[in-house]
């Protein structure tokens, strides 16, 4: 329960950044789901209208159920994006994509005026890459050559669903995910992000270099800590 409480603390703190009438980019995952619940409780009181750009079908369903107005990047660019992470280091480099949504998350996050990351304390590390795999979304047509090239960086595993569905995980974009187990600390996230993205057939990587992130809100069971650049 302590981790769940920590997620709630981070979500509560980030909700203070959301203003009435704002266009908000909403990430995916369990901590963002808690943020949606908190914002839904404010709708009709502190918030009269909220326009959201979701990064996954799951987030879109939750946002619609909450009563938010769902819009697209064709309509608006987000003023603020709030997203989670699988790992974040002290330089604000991220690994995302445990839920398979990192491509849409990166599009929304990088197009936002401001990006804030919310995590529980277990996700904060000194350096990313040692414990969590780096998800790489890949065109099914290019699966074999991409897997071969990625293997130069570490162990590569095609992701399968753990919920009984047969076959590999298929993203909201209709692609597969290769998990790259880098096996060591990432010293230069931006360089590695660019190198992997340059492989023909790679759609996007779950590496997010820290240059875009303005704040990281870390939840603990009894408080939330705001880390800023």
Protein backbone atom coordinates (compact mmCIF):
# COMPACT_ATOMS: atom_id res chain seq x y z
CA UNK A 1 0.00 0.00 0.00
CA UNK A 2 2.91 2.37 0.59
CA UNK A 3 3.74 2.50 -3.14
CA UNK A 4 0.08 3.13 -4.03
CA UNK A 5 -0.05 5.93 -1.48
CA UNK A 6 3.17 7.35 -2.94
CA UNK A 7 1.62 7.37 -6.41
CA UNK A 8 -1.38 9.20 -5.04
CA UNK A 9 0.84 11.81 -3.37
CA UNK A 10 2.64 12.50 -6.65
CA UNK A 11 -0.65 12.71 -8.54
CA UNK A 12 -2.14 15.10 -5.97
CA UNK A 13 0.86 17.42 -6.19
CA UNK A 14 0.80 17.46 -9.99
CA UNK A 15 -2.94 18.23 -10.02
CA UNK A 16 -2.12 21.65 -8.55
CA UNK A 17 -0.45 22.56 -11.86
CA UNK A 18 -3.63 21.99 -13.86
CA UNK A 19 -5.59 25.18 -14.53
CA UNK A 20 -9.18 25.66 -15.63
CA UNK A 21 -9.63 25.59 -19.39
CA UNK A 22 -6.12 24.24 -19.97
CA UNK A 23 -5.12 21.90 -22.79
CA UNK A 24 -3.46 19.03 -20.94
CA UNK A 25 -1.41 16.19 -22.37
CA UNK A 26 -2.15 13.08 -20.33
CA UNK A 27 0.33 10.22 -20.23
CA UNK A 28 -0.44 6.61 -19.43
CA UNK A 29 -0.02 4.26 -16.50
CA UNK A 30 -1.17 3.75 -12.95
CA UNK A 31 0.06 7.08 -11.52
CA UNK A 32 -1.58 9.05 -14.32
CA UNK A 33 -4.78 7.07 -13.71
CA UNK A 34 -4.75 8.37 -10.13
CA UNK A 35 -4.29 11.91 -11.46
CA UNK A 36 -7.34 11.48 -13.68
CA UNK A 37 -9.39 10.42 -10.64
CA UNK A 38 -8.24 13.49 -8.70
CA UNK A 39 -8.96 15.88 -11.57
CA UNK A 40 -12.40 14.29 -12.07
CA UNK A 41 -13.25 15.19 -8.47
CA UNK A 42 -12.36 18.83 -9.22
CA UNK A 43 -14.51 19.00 -12.33
CA UNK A 44 -17.50 21.23 -11.73
CA UNK A 45 -15.84 23.04 -8.81
CA UNK A 46 -12.22 24.10 -9.25
CA UNK A 47 -12.30 23.08 -12.91
CA UNK A 48 -15.21 23.94 -15.20
CA UNK A 49 -13.56 22.73 -18.40
CA UNK A 50 -10.51 20.65 -19.16
CA UNK A 51 -9.27 19.72 -22.62
CA UNK A 52 -7.06 16.64 -22.70
CA UNK A 53 -4.88 14.98 -25.32
CA UNK A 54 -4.51 11.31 -24.30
CA UNK A 55 -1.48 9.21 -25.19
CA UNK A 56 -3.24 5.83 -25.28
CA UNK A 57 -6.67 4.32 -25.74
CA UNK A 58 -6.66 3.41 -22.05
CA UNK A 59 -6.10 7.02 -21.01
CA UNK A 60 -8.68 8.20 -23.52
CA UNK A 61 -11.33 5.89 -22.07
CA UNK A 62 -10.56 7.07 -18.53
CA UNK A 63 -10.62 10.73 -19.60
CA UNK A 64 -13.98 10.38 -21.33
CA UNK A 65 -15.46 8.58 -18.32
CA UNK A 66 -14.22 11.43 -16.11
CA UNK A 67 -16.03 14.00 -18.27
CA UNK A 68 -13.00 15.69 -19.80
CA UNK A 69 -13.13 17.04 -23.35
CA UNK A 70 -10.86 14.86 -25.45
CA UNK A 71 -9.10 16.73 -28.28
CA UNK A 72 -6.27 15.92 -30.67
CA UNK A 73 -2.97 17.45 -31.69
CA UNK A 74 -4.72 18.59 -34.86
CA UNK A 75 -6.91 20.81 -32.67
CA UNK A 76 -4.45 22.05 -30.04
CA UNK A 77 -0.92 21.68 -28.72
CA UNK A 78 -0.75 20.95 -24.99
CA UNK A 79 0.20 23.72 -22.60
CA UNK A 80 1.23 21.12 -20.04
CA UNK A 81 1.88 17.39 -20.27
CA UNK A 82 1.91 15.17 -17.18
CA UNK A 83 3.27 11.67 -17.62
CA UNK A 84 4.73 8.80 -15.66
CA UNK A 85 7.93 6.79 -16.13
CA UNK A 86 9.36 3.34 -15.52
CA UNK A 87 12.65 4.89 -14.40
CA UNK A 88 13.94 8.44 -14.00
CA UNK A 89 17.43 9.52 -13.02
CA UNK A 90 18.80 12.66 -11.38
CA UNK A 91 19.35 14.26 -14.79
CA UNK A 92 15.67 13.64 -15.61
CA UNK A 93 16.44 11.04 -18.28
CA UNK A 94 13.58 8.56 -18.53
CA UNK A 95 12.75 5.05 -19.57
CA UNK A 96 9.09 4.76 -20.55
CA UNK A 97 7.00 2.24 -22.41
CA UNK A 98 6.31 -0.54 -19.94
CA UNK A 99 2.70 -0.19 -21.03
CA UNK A 100 3.61 0.01 -24.71
CA UNK A 101 2.48 3.62 -25.17
CA UNK A 102 5.82 5.41 -25.42
CA UNK A 103 5.53 6.51 -29.06
CA UNK A 104 2.35 8.49 -28.53
CA UNK A 105 3.63 9.65 -25.16
CA UNK A 106 6.77 11.05 -26.75
CA UNK A 107 4.80 12.85 -29.46
CA UNK A 108 2.52 14.52 -26.91
CA UNK A 109 5.21 15.13 -24.28
CA UNK A 110 7.70 16.65 -26.70
CA UNK A 111 5.06 18.90 -28.31
CA UNK A 112 3.98 20.34 -24.95
CA UNK A 113 5.08 23.72 -23.65
CA UNK A 114 5.98 22.08 -20.33
CA UNK A 115 6.55 18.45 -19.34
CA UNK A 116 6.17 17.21 -15.77
CA UNK A 117 6.91 13.61 -14.78
CA UNK A 118 5.17 11.96 -11.83
CA UNK A 119 6.57 8.80 -10.23
CA UNK A 120 6.64 6.96 -6.94
CA UNK A 121 9.92 6.76 -5.05
CA UNK A 122 10.78 3.29 -6.39
CA UNK A 123 11.22 4.72 -9.92
CA UNK A 124 13.94 7.23 -8.98
CA UNK A 125 17.45 5.91 -9.74
CA UNK A 126 20.94 7.32 -10.04
CA UNK A 127 21.24 6.23 -13.67
CA UNK A 128 18.69 4.62 -15.98
CA UNK A 129 19.34 1.45 -17.95
CA UNK A 130 20.62 -0.99 -15.37
CA UNK A 131 17.32 -2.44 -14.16
CA UNK A 132 14.57 -1.66 -16.67
CA UNK A 133 14.61 -2.62 -20.35
CA UNK A 134 14.38 0.05 -23.03
CA UNK A 135 11.22 -0.53 -25.11
CA UNK A 136 11.62 -0.07 -28.85
CA UNK A 137 8.53 0.09 -31.07
CA UNK A 138 9.24 -1.51 -34.44
CA UNK A 139 7.41 -2.08 -37.70
CA UNK A 140 6.41 -5.77 -37.96
CA UNK A 141 7.90 -5.83 -41.47
CA UNK A 142 11.30 -4.85 -40.03
CA UNK A 143 11.28 -7.04 -36.93
CA UNK A 144 14.17 -9.35 -37.83
CA UNK A 145 16.74 -6.77 -39.06
CA UNK A 146 15.93 -4.40 -36.20
CA UNK A 147 16.31 -7.18 -33.63
CA UNK A 148 19.67 -8.11 -35.15
CA UNK A 149 20.94 -4.52 -35.04
CA UNK A 150 19.61 -3.89 -31.52
CA UNK A 151 21.44 -6.99 -30.26
CA UNK A 152 24.67 -5.01 -30.64
CA UNK A 153 23.51 -2.98 -27.62
CA UNK A 154 22.37 -5.84 -25.38
CA UNK A 155 19.85 -8.66 -24.99
CA UNK A 156 16.71 -8.17 -27.09
CA UNK A 157 13.33 -9.79 -26.34
CA UNK A 158 10.11 -9.56 -28.34
CA UNK A 159 7.38 -8.58 -25.90
CA UNK A 160 4.45 -10.94 -25.42
CA UNK A 161 1.26 -10.26 -23.50
CA UNK A 162 1.08 -11.58 -19.94
CA UNK A 163 -2.74 -11.55 -19.99
CA UNK A 164 -3.38 -14.70 -21.99
CA UNK A 165 -3.48 -13.14 -25.47
CA UNK A 166 -1.64 -15.24 -28.03
CA UNK A 167 1.18 -13.68 -30.01
CA UNK A 168 3.30 -10.60 -29.42
CA UNK A 169 2.05 -7.35 -27.96
CA UNK A 170 0.62 -5.05 -30.62
CA UNK A 171 0.75 -1.32 -29.85
CA UNK A 172 -2.04 1.20 -30.44
CA UNK A 173 -0.17 1.99 -33.66
CA UNK A 174 -0.23 -1.61 -34.89
CA UNK A 175 3.47 -2.33 -34.26
CA UNK A 176 5.55 -4.74 -32.16
CA UNK A 177 7.76 -3.96 -29.16
CA UNK A 178 11.31 -5.17 -28.66
CA UNK A 179 12.64 -4.80 -25.12
CA UNK A 180 16.34 -3.97 -25.05
CA UNK A 181 18.04 -5.10 -21.85
CA UNK A 182 20.93 -2.68 -21.93
CA UNK A 183 22.49 -4.18 -18.83
CA UNK A 184 24.46 -1.14 -17.74
CA UNK A 185 23.98 2.49 -16.83
CA UNK A 186 23.10 4.83 -19.69
CA UNK A 187 25.78 7.52 -19.67
CA UNK A 188 24.46 9.60 -22.57
CA UNK A 189 20.70 9.14 -22.99
CA UNK A 190 20.35 11.61 -25.85
CA UNK A 191 23.06 9.94 -27.93
CA UNK A 192 21.66 6.45 -27.34
CA UNK A 193 18.14 7.65 -28.12
CA UNK A 194 19.29 9.09 -31.45
CA UNK A 195 21.34 5.99 -32.35
CA UNK A 196 18.50 3.54 -31.76
CA UNK A 197 15.95 5.77 -33.49
CA UNK A 198 18.23 5.85 -36.57
CA UNK A 199 17.85 2.09 -37.15
CA UNK A 200 15.57 1.61 -40.19
CA UNK A 201 12.28 0.12 -39.04
CA UNK A 202 12.38 1.61 -35.55
CA UNK A 203 9.30 3.74 -34.95
CA UNK A 204 10.31 5.11 -31.55
CA UNK A 205 12.29 4.30 -28.42
CA UNK A 206 11.31 4.42 -24.77
CA UNK A 207 14.35 6.56 -23.99
CA UNK A 208 13.48 10.18 -23.19
CA UNK A 209 16.49 12.41 -22.70
CA UNK A 210 16.19 14.85 -19.83
CA UNK A 211 16.39 18.04 -21.89
CA UNK A 212 12.59 18.34 -22.24
CA UNK A 213 11.59 17.57 -18.62
CA UNK A 214 11.11 20.62 -16.41
CA UNK A 215 9.99 18.95 -13.19
CA UNK A 216 9.87 15.51 -11.65
CA UNK A 217 7.40 14.97 -8.83
CA UNK A 218 8.39 12.02 -6.66
CA UNK A 219 5.76 10.56 -4.39
CA UNK A 220 6.52 9.03 -1.01
CA UNK A 221 3.99 7.45 1.37
CA UNK A 222 3.85 10.65 3.45
CA UNK A 223 4.83 13.45 1.02
CA UNK A 224 5.64 14.55 -2.51
CA UNK A 225 9.00 16.00 -3.48
CA UNK A 226 9.36 18.36 -6.44
CA UNK A 227 12.65 18.12 -8.31
CA UNK A 228 13.34 21.02 -10.67
CA UNK A 229 16.13 21.99 -13.02
